[in-house]
Amino acid sequence: MFIDIEETLGRELREVADGLPVPPMPPVAQEPPRTRRQWQPLLVAASVVLVVAGVATVAQVRDHQEPAPAPAPTTPSSTDSVDPLPTSAPSVPSTDPVGRLSTSSPSVPYVLGQRLYVDGGLVPGSWWSVQAGESGWLALRTDGTWWWGRGPVPNELTGAHDVPPVLSPNGRYVAATGVENGRGSLTFVETDAGGEQPGGVPIDLGDRQDGSAVTIRAVTDDGRVIAQGTRTSLLWLPLAAAGDDTVDLSVTAPGQEILAGTSAGLVVTDGAGGEPYLAELSDAGEMTRTGGLPAHDDLVVSPGARWLAWTAPGTTGGEATSVPALQARSVDGSRTATLTPPAGWDFLVRTWVWEDDEHLVSGVVREGAGEERMARCSPQPARCVLVRSR
């Protein structure tokens, strides 16, 4: 009986199961084979970058600072200070006090290698030295004769000249000494009037043996001539109406010694070895002090009386032929400078002369080699350059 019941139940269950709808199983996609993961090291590097960035951010927060934003890219604007490309080569002026110095040949007469150059030309002969002003020049030849001129054509200064003649700062006048009938005399040349003027005045030239020899100390730009020695101190006024007017300076300016004439006035000392100063001299022989000067061996003043250049005492005497530097100062004393030639060169003694109120030219010699050139200097800025020599 139990068997019949089990069989009956089993048969009925199978009949029920067979009547139920069973959906088919979905197909299973086949998994492709796995490959090696190349991006795993990149994840490690990225994590390191994130860690470093996090540390930096934390550090900024701890310092109570906001993280700085990344700078934005910039593009040049029309107001940026960008130097434009030059459209042409800049021209260098012949006289530029700012800093550029011309290397053209000097515009004033000069002697280099015993050759005299005037106005771009070579003057015949062999020469030792030259004095020059705006209106003329005076030069010494190696044969001991003196010559003057207004251009490249020389004119001989006649007569014997044991005492060196002197040119006025502006180059218009020359004063010289001579001997006539056994007596000394002063003579006068106007370079812009064609030559030596007639006449002259007698003067006791003194004696070199006892140290009383007279020298011409200065010729001023207005034509006054000063000659002095230990026994003589004379002012001559050759341009006065009579032409032979003289003043005894030992009476009107006792003890005052005139050393030179410059565009800024006379260089004067009170007695031999005194401190130098600038002064003006009247037709009556009265001296008026106008300014102080530095102690010096050799001093030159620019044509417009703006600058001085000099060497210190004891530097150009004896057998000295060159110096390493020149001192410069404005006449009013407000500006000073030291002028040094280009490296390896020295200034040739007593060859320096002001070309204008901003530039000085001088002969220079190469140290240890003897080669000579010309140089141009400016006190503002204190700078010198070698220039073309004809």
Protein backbone atom coordinates (compact mmCIF):
# COMPACT_ATOMS: atom_id res chain seq x y z
CA MET A 1 0.00 0.00 0.00
CA PHE A 2 2.79 2.39 0.88
CA ILE A 3 4.45 1.42 -2.38
CA ASP A 4 1.33 2.28 -4.30
CA ILE A 5 1.11 5.66 -2.61
CA GLU A 6 4.81 6.48 -3.32
CA GLU A 7 4.50 5.45 -6.91
CA THR A 8 1.28 7.43 -7.26
CA LEU A 9 2.90 10.58 -5.73
CA GLY A 10 6.07 10.27 -7.83
CA ARG A 11 4.06 9.85 -11.00
CA GLU A 12 1.92 12.86 -10.22
CA LEU A 13 4.98 15.05 -9.40
CA ARG A 14 6.67 14.15 -12.66
CA GLU A 15 3.49 14.97 -14.53
CA VAL A 16 3.40 18.41 -12.83
CA ALA A 17 7.10 19.05 -13.52
CA ASP A 18 6.75 18.08 -17.13
CA GLY A 19 3.96 20.59 -17.50
CA LEU A 20 6.07 23.56 -16.25
CA PRO A 21 7.86 25.70 -19.00
CA VAL A 22 11.65 25.87 -18.43
CA PRO A 23 13.60 28.67 -20.35
CA PRO A 24 16.84 27.71 -22.00
CA MET A 25 20.14 28.74 -20.30
CA PRO A 26 21.79 31.94 -21.70
CA PRO A 27 25.04 31.51 -23.55
CA VAL A 28 28.18 32.33 -21.50
CA ALA A 29 30.67 34.78 -23.19
CA GLN A 30 34.14 33.38 -23.46
CA GLU A 31 36.70 35.52 -21.45
CA PRO A 32 39.70 36.61 -23.50
CA PRO A 33 43.11 35.69 -22.21
CA ARG A 34 44.58 38.18 -19.72
CA THR A 35 47.64 40.27 -20.66
CA ARG A 36 50.35 41.88 -18.50
CA ARG A 37 49.21 45.23 -17.00
CA GLN A 38 51.62 47.88 -18.38
CA TRP A 39 49.93 50.76 -16.48
CA GLN A 40 50.67 49.51 -13.02
CA PRO A 41 54.00 51.49 -12.74
CA LEU A 42 52.16 54.61 -13.94
CA LEU A 43 49.74 54.26 -11.07
CA VAL A 44 52.67 54.10 -8.67
CA ALA A 45 54.27 57.25 -10.16
CA ALA A 46 50.95 59.09 -10.09
CA SER A 47 50.46 58.18 -6.48
CA VAL A 48 53.89 59.55 -5.63
CA VAL A 49 53.07 62.84 -7.39
CA LEU A 50 49.80 63.09 -5.48
CA VAL A 51 51.58 62.43 -2.21
CA VAL A 52 54.19 65.15 -2.91
CA ALA A 53 51.51 67.61 -3.96
CA GLY A 54 49.57 66.81 -0.83
CA VAL A 55 52.61 67.41 1.35
CA ALA A 56 53.25 70.76 -0.35
CA THR A 57 49.62 71.77 0.09
CA VAL A 58 49.68 70.80 3.75
CA ALA A 59 52.88 72.79 4.24
CA GLN A 60 51.28 75.88 2.72
CA VAL A 61 48.19 75.51 4.85
CA ARG A 62 50.35 75.16 7.94
CA ASP A 63 52.09 78.41 7.04
CA HIS A 64 48.67 80.10 6.73
CA GLN A 65 49.27 80.74 3.03
CA GLU A 66 47.07 80.11 0.09
CA PRO A 67 48.60 78.07 -2.69
CA ALA A 68 49.95 80.39 -5.40
CA PRO A 69 48.10 80.09 -8.68
CA ALA A 70 50.06 79.01 -11.69
CA PRO A 71 51.38 82.00 -13.66
CA ALA A 72 49.42 82.83 -16.74
CA PRO A 73 51.34 83.00 -19.99
CA THR A 74 52.21 86.53 -21.06
CA THR A 75 52.68 88.13 -24.41
CA PRO A 76 54.73 91.28 -25.08
CA SER A 77 52.71 94.45 -25.27
CA SER A 78 53.40 97.69 -27.07
CA THR A 79 54.48 99.28 -23.77
CA ASP A 80 57.15 96.69 -22.93
CA SER A 81 60.68 98.18 -22.89
CA VAL A 82 62.03 96.12 -25.73
CA ASP A 83 64.83 97.70 -27.79
CA PRO A 84 63.80 97.79 -31.43
CA LEU A 85 66.13 96.46 -34.05
CA PRO A 86 68.21 99.28 -35.53
CA THR A 87 67.26 100.26 -39.03
CA SER A 88 70.73 101.61 -39.74
CA ALA A 89 74.16 101.80 -38.09
CA PRO A 90 74.31 104.61 -35.48
CA SER A 91 76.54 107.55 -36.34
CA VAL A 92 79.21 108.45 -33.79
CA PRO A 93 79.53 112.22 -33.42
CA SER A 94 83.01 113.76 -33.55
CA THR A 95 82.46 115.36 -30.14
CA ASP A 96 80.20 113.46 -27.75
CA PRO A 97 80.61 114.32 -24.02
CA VAL A 98 78.28 111.48 -22.97
CA GLY A 99 80.63 108.61 -23.51
CA ARG A 100 81.41 107.93 -27.15
CA LEU A 101 84.75 109.37 -28.23
CA SER A 102 85.59 109.85 -31.88
CA THR A 103 88.70 108.13 -33.19
CA SER A 104 89.20 110.65 -35.98
CA SER A 105 92.49 112.55 -36.23
CA PRO A 106 92.89 115.56 -33.89
CA SER A 107 91.43 118.82 -35.16
CA VAL A 108 94.25 120.88 -33.62
CA PRO A 109 97.90 121.04 -34.79
CA TYR A 110 100.10 118.35 -33.23
CA VAL A 111 103.56 116.82 -33.50
CA LEU A 112 104.01 113.05 -33.65
CA GLY A 113 107.28 111.34 -34.52
CA GLN A 114 108.85 114.77 -35.27
CA ARG A 115 106.18 115.41 -37.90
CA LEU A 116 103.90 118.43 -37.70
CA TYR A 117 100.27 118.03 -38.78
CA VAL A 118 98.07 121.09 -39.39
CA ASP A 119 94.55 121.14 -40.87
CA GLY A 120 94.83 117.59 -42.16
CA GLY A 121 98.17 118.14 -43.89
CA LEU A 122 101.82 117.41 -43.17
CA VAL A 123 104.00 120.51 -42.76
CA PRO A 124 107.46 120.02 -44.34
CA GLY A 125 110.40 119.66 -42.00
CA SER A 126 111.27 117.93 -38.75
CA TRP A 127 109.69 119.34 -35.59
CA TRP A 128 110.04 119.16 -31.82
CA SER A 129 106.87 120.81 -30.53
CA VAL A 130 103.91 123.05 -31.33
CA GLN A 131 101.72 125.54 -29.47
CA ALA A 132 98.28 126.10 -30.93
CA GLY A 133 95.24 128.32 -30.57
CA GLU A 134 92.08 128.86 -32.55
CA SER A 135 93.67 131.49 -34.82
CA GLY A 136 97.20 130.18 -35.30
CA TRP A 137 100.12 128.03 -34.21
CA LEU A 138 103.79 128.35 -33.21
CA ALA A 139 106.26 125.46 -33.61
CA LEU A 140 109.93 124.64 -32.99
CA ARG A 141 111.90 122.80 -35.66
CA THR A 142 114.66 120.35 -34.79
CA ASP A 143 117.22 122.83 -36.21
CA GLY A 144 116.27 125.32 -33.48
CA THR A 145 114.28 127.73 -35.67
CA TRP A 146 110.77 128.91 -34.83
CA TRP A 147 107.86 129.03 -37.26
CA TRP A 148 104.27 130.23 -37.07
CA GLY A 149 101.19 129.89 -39.25
CA ARG A 150 97.42 129.95 -39.59
CA GLY A 151 97.20 126.85 -41.78
CA PRO A 152 99.60 124.27 -43.19
CA VAL A 153 101.93 126.94 -44.69
CA PRO A 154 104.72 127.87 -42.21
CA ASN A 155 106.29 131.31 -41.74
CA GLU A 156 109.71 131.65 -40.15
CA LEU A 157 110.04 133.87 -37.12
CA THR A 158 113.04 136.00 -37.99
CA GLY A 159 115.93 136.81 -35.69
CA ALA A 160 117.87 134.91 -33.06
CA HIS A 161 115.73 133.51 -30.27
CA ASP A 162 117.68 132.43 -27.24
CA VAL A 163 114.47 132.96 -25.30
CA PRO A 164 111.55 130.80 -26.52
CA PRO A 165 108.74 132.85 -28.09
CA VAL A 166 105.20 132.49 -26.74
CA LEU A 167 101.77 132.22 -28.42
CA SER A 168 98.62 133.75 -26.95
CA PRO A 169 95.94 131.21 -25.89
CA ASN A 170 93.69 132.20 -28.82
CA GLY A 171 96.57 131.88 -31.31
CA ARG A 172 96.35 135.47 -32.56
CA TYR A 173 99.62 136.86 -31.16
CA VAL A 174 103.25 135.80 -30.80
CA ALA A 175 105.81 137.57 -28.63
CA ALA A 176 109.54 136.98 -29.07
CA THR A 177 112.87 138.44 -28.05
CA GLY A 178 115.71 139.52 -30.27
CA VAL A 179 119.00 141.36 -30.19
CA GLU A 180 119.56 144.56 -32.15
CA ASN A 181 122.84 146.45 -32.02
CA GLY A 182 123.85 144.46 -28.96
CA ARG A 183 120.68 145.30 -27.09
CA GLY A 184 117.76 143.07 -26.28
CA SER A 185 114.28 143.81 -27.55
CA LEU A 186 110.75 142.45 -27.51
CA THR A 187 108.97 141.86 -30.83
CA PHE A 188 105.36 141.13 -31.68
CA VAL A 189 103.57 139.11 -34.39
CA GLU A 190 99.89 139.22 -35.30
CA THR A 191 99.15 135.88 -36.96
CA ASP A 192 95.86 137.11 -38.42
CA ALA A 193 97.41 140.32 -39.79
CA GLY A 194 100.14 138.73 -41.88
CA GLY A 195 103.22 138.71 -39.73
CA GLU A 196 105.68 140.60 -37.58
CA GLN A 197 104.86 144.15 -36.65
CA PRO A 198 107.48 146.88 -37.01
CA GLY A 199 109.15 148.31 -33.99
CA GLY A 200 109.38 146.73 -30.59
CA VAL A 201 110.65 147.80 -27.20
CA PRO A 202 114.10 147.46 -25.65
CA ILE A 203 114.54 145.10 -22.72
CA ASP A 204 117.40 143.93 -20.55
CA LEU A 205 117.53 140.20 -21.34
CA GLY A 206 119.72 139.46 -18.32
CA ASP A 207 122.35 136.76 -18.13
CA ARG A 208 121.90 133.00 -18.02
CA GLN A 209 125.17 132.58 -16.18
CA ASP A 210 123.97 134.44 -13.10
CA GLY A 211 120.34 133.27 -13.39
CA SER A 212 118.97 136.67 -14.35
CA ALA A 213 117.86 135.74 -17.87
CA VAL A 214 114.50 137.14 -18.90
CA THR A 215 111.79 134.89 -20.31
CA ILE A 216 108.51 135.78 -21.95
CA ARG A 217 105.97 134.58 -19.41
CA ALA A 218 102.72 135.21 -21.25
CA VAL A 219 100.87 136.88 -24.12
CA THR A 220 97.24 137.51 -23.28
CA ASP A 221 94.31 137.14 -25.69
CA ASP A 222 94.03 140.94 -25.81
CA GLY A 223 97.69 141.41 -26.75
CA ARG A 224 99.49 142.21 -23.49
CA VAL A 225 103.04 140.85 -23.23
CA ILE A 226 104.69 140.02 -19.88
CA ALA A 227 108.44 139.36 -19.57
CA GLN A 228 110.18 138.69 -16.27
CA GLY A 229 113.58 137.81 -14.85
CA THR A 230 115.26 138.30 -11.50
CA ARG A 231 116.10 141.91 -12.39
CA THR A 232 113.25 142.69 -14.80
CA SER A 233 109.45 142.58 -14.64
CA LEU A 234 107.85 144.27 -17.63
CA LEU A 235 104.38 144.67 -19.14
CA TRP A 236 104.35 145.74 -22.81
CA LEU A 237 101.23 147.01 -24.58
CA PRO A 238 102.04 146.65 -28.31
CA LEU A 239 98.44 147.24 -29.40
CA ALA A 240 98.17 150.57 -27.58
CA ALA A 241 98.14 153.73 -29.66
CA ALA A 242 101.84 154.44 -29.21
CA GLY A 243 102.87 150.80 -29.53
CA ASP A 244 105.74 151.14 -27.08
CA ASP A 245 103.90 151.63 -23.80
CA THR A 246 105.45 149.64 -20.96
CA VAL A 247 104.73 149.24 -17.26
CA ASP A 248 107.22 148.26 -14.57
CA LEU A 249 105.49 145.37 -12.79
CA SER A 250 108.05 145.40 -10.00
CA VAL A 251 106.30 148.61 -8.93
CA THR A 252 102.63 147.84 -9.67
CA ALA A 253 102.71 144.12 -8.77
CA PRO A 254 105.78 143.59 -6.59
CA GLY A 255 106.69 139.99 -5.77
CA GLN A 256 104.05 138.55 -8.11
CA GLU A 257 105.48 136.08 -10.61
CA ILE A 258 103.59 135.26 -13.80
CA LEU A 259 104.04 131.62 -14.86
CA ALA A 260 101.82 131.42 -17.95
CA GLY A 261 98.85 132.85 -19.81
CA THR A 262 95.67 130.81 -20.29
CA SER A 263 92.14 131.32 -21.59
CA ALA A 264 91.04 131.60 -17.94
CA GLY A 265 93.61 134.29 -17.08
CA LEU A 266 97.22 134.51 -15.94
CA VAL A 267 98.78 131.82 -13.74
CA VAL A 268 100.43 133.73 -10.90
CA THR A 269 102.29 133.01 -7.66
CA ASP A 270 103.25 135.35 -4.84
CA GLY A 271 106.99 134.81 -5.05
CA ALA A 272 108.86 131.77 -6.31
CA GLY A 273 107.33 128.53 -5.06
CA GLY A 274 104.08 130.10 -3.86
CA GLU A 275 100.63 128.59 -4.37
CA PRO A 276 99.40 129.28 -7.93
CA TYR A 277 96.22 131.17 -8.68
CA LEU A 278 94.40 132.81 -11.60
CA ALA A 279 94.54 136.58 -12.04
CA GLU A 280 93.72 139.38 -14.48
CA LEU A 281 96.18 142.17 -15.33
CA SER A 282 95.09 145.69 -16.21
CA ASP A 283 96.85 148.04 -18.63
CA ALA A 284 98.10 149.87 -15.55
CA GLY A 285 99.82 146.70 -14.34
CA GLU A 286 97.46 145.99 -11.44
CA MET A 287 96.83 142.32 -10.66
CA THR A 288 93.40 141.06 -9.56
CA ARG A 289 93.04 137.51 -8.25
CA THR A 290 90.13 135.60 -9.84
CA GLY A 291 90.43 132.00 -8.62
CA GLY A 292 92.57 129.25 -7.14
CA LEU A 293 94.60 126.59 -8.96
CA PRO A 294 96.10 123.25 -7.96
CA ALA A 295 99.85 122.93 -7.51
CA HIS A 296 101.25 121.57 -10.75
CA ASP A 297 104.20 121.02 -13.05
CA ASP A 298 102.36 121.58 -16.32
CA LEU A 299 98.85 122.97 -16.74
CA VAL A 300 96.58 123.54 -19.77
CA VAL A 301 93.14 125.17 -19.90
CA SER A 302 90.35 124.47 -22.40
CA PRO A 303 89.60 127.24 -24.97
CA GLY A 304 86.38 128.32 -23.26
CA ALA A 305 87.97 128.23 -19.78
CA ARG A 306 85.80 125.32 -18.60
CA TRP A 307 88.39 122.64 -17.76
CA LEU A 308 91.95 122.36 -16.47
CA ALA A 309 94.34 119.46 -16.98
CA TRP A 310 97.65 119.17 -15.17
CA THR A 311 100.41 116.99 -13.82
CA ALA A 312 101.31 116.90 -10.14
CA PRO A 313 104.47 118.68 -8.95
CA GLY A 314 107.66 116.69 -9.57
CA THR A 315 106.23 114.42 -12.29
CA THR A 316 107.43 116.07 -15.52
CA GLY A 317 110.77 117.54 -14.51
CA GLY A 318 114.25 116.22 -15.21
CA GLU A 319 114.45 113.38 -17.73
CA ALA A 320 110.80 112.33 -17.52
CA THR A 321 109.38 111.66 -20.99
CA SER A 322 105.98 110.21 -20.10
CA VAL A 323 103.40 110.14 -17.30
CA PRO A 324 100.71 107.52 -16.54
CA ALA A 325 97.86 109.96 -15.85
CA LEU A 326 96.61 113.53 -15.96
CA GLN A 327 94.41 115.24 -13.42
CA ALA A 328 91.42 117.25 -14.62
CA ARG A 329 89.12 119.72 -12.89
CA SER A 330 86.52 122.22 -13.93
CA VAL A 331 87.76 125.80 -13.56
CA ASP A 332 85.16 126.47 -10.86
CA GLY A 333 86.32 123.38 -8.93
CA SER A 334 82.95 121.61 -8.92
CA ARG A 335 84.03 118.57 -10.96
CA THR A 336 87.19 116.47 -10.98
CA ALA A 337 88.51 113.54 -13.00
CA THR A 338 91.61 111.44 -13.59
CA LEU A 339 92.50 110.84 -17.22
CA THR A 340 94.42 107.67 -18.04
CA PRO A 341 95.39 106.54 -21.55
CA PRO A 342 94.31 103.13 -22.87
CA ALA A 343 95.93 100.14 -21.14
CA GLY A 344 99.59 99.76 -22.02
CA TRP A 345 100.13 103.43 -22.93
CA ASP A 346 101.45 106.57 -21.18
CA PHE A 347 101.03 110.26 -21.98
CA LEU A 348 104.02 111.88 -23.69
CA VAL A 349 105.22 114.80 -21.58
CA ARG A 350 103.88 118.24 -22.55
CA THR A 351 102.05 117.11 -25.67
CA TRP A 352 98.54 117.46 -24.24
CA VAL A 353 96.28 120.24 -25.47
CA TRP A 354 92.55 120.89 -25.25
CA GLU A 355 90.83 120.32 -28.59
CA ASP A 356 87.65 122.02 -27.36
CA ASP A 357 85.85 122.45 -24.04
CA GLU A 358 85.09 118.73 -23.74
CA HIS A 359 88.05 116.92 -25.31
CA LEU A 360 91.79 116.82 -24.76
CA VAL A 361 94.27 115.24 -27.19
CA SER A 362 97.79 114.09 -26.39
CA GLY A 363 100.63 112.02 -27.71
CA VAL A 364 100.95 108.61 -26.04
CA VAL A 365 103.74 106.06 -26.02
CA ARG A 366 103.44 102.30 -25.65
CA GLU A 367 105.03 101.10 -22.42
CA GLY A 368 108.38 99.44 -23.10
CA ALA A 369 107.98 99.54 -26.89
CA GLY A 370 108.44 103.19 -27.86
CA GLU A 371 105.56 103.22 -30.38
CA GLU A 372 103.84 106.61 -30.43
CA ARG A 373 100.19 107.38 -31.19
CA MET A 374 97.64 110.09 -30.45
CA ALA A 375 94.81 109.73 -27.93
CA ARG A 376 91.62 111.67 -27.25
CA CYS A 377 90.24 112.05 -23.71
CA SER A 378 87.08 113.40 -22.14
CA PRO A 379 86.71 114.26 -18.44
CA GLN A 380 82.98 113.37 -18.51
CA PRO A 381 83.11 110.46 -18.38
CA ALA A 382 86.82 110.13 -17.60
CA ARG A 383 87.86 108.10 -20.62
CA CYS A 384 90.55 108.02 -23.33
CA VAL A 385 90.78 106.26 -26.70
CA LEU A 386 93.47 105.91 -29.33
CA VAL A 387 92.76 107.93 -32.46
CA ARG A 388 93.85 107.77 -36.07
CA SER A 389 97.20 109.44 -36.66
CA ARG A 390 97.90 110.76 -40.12
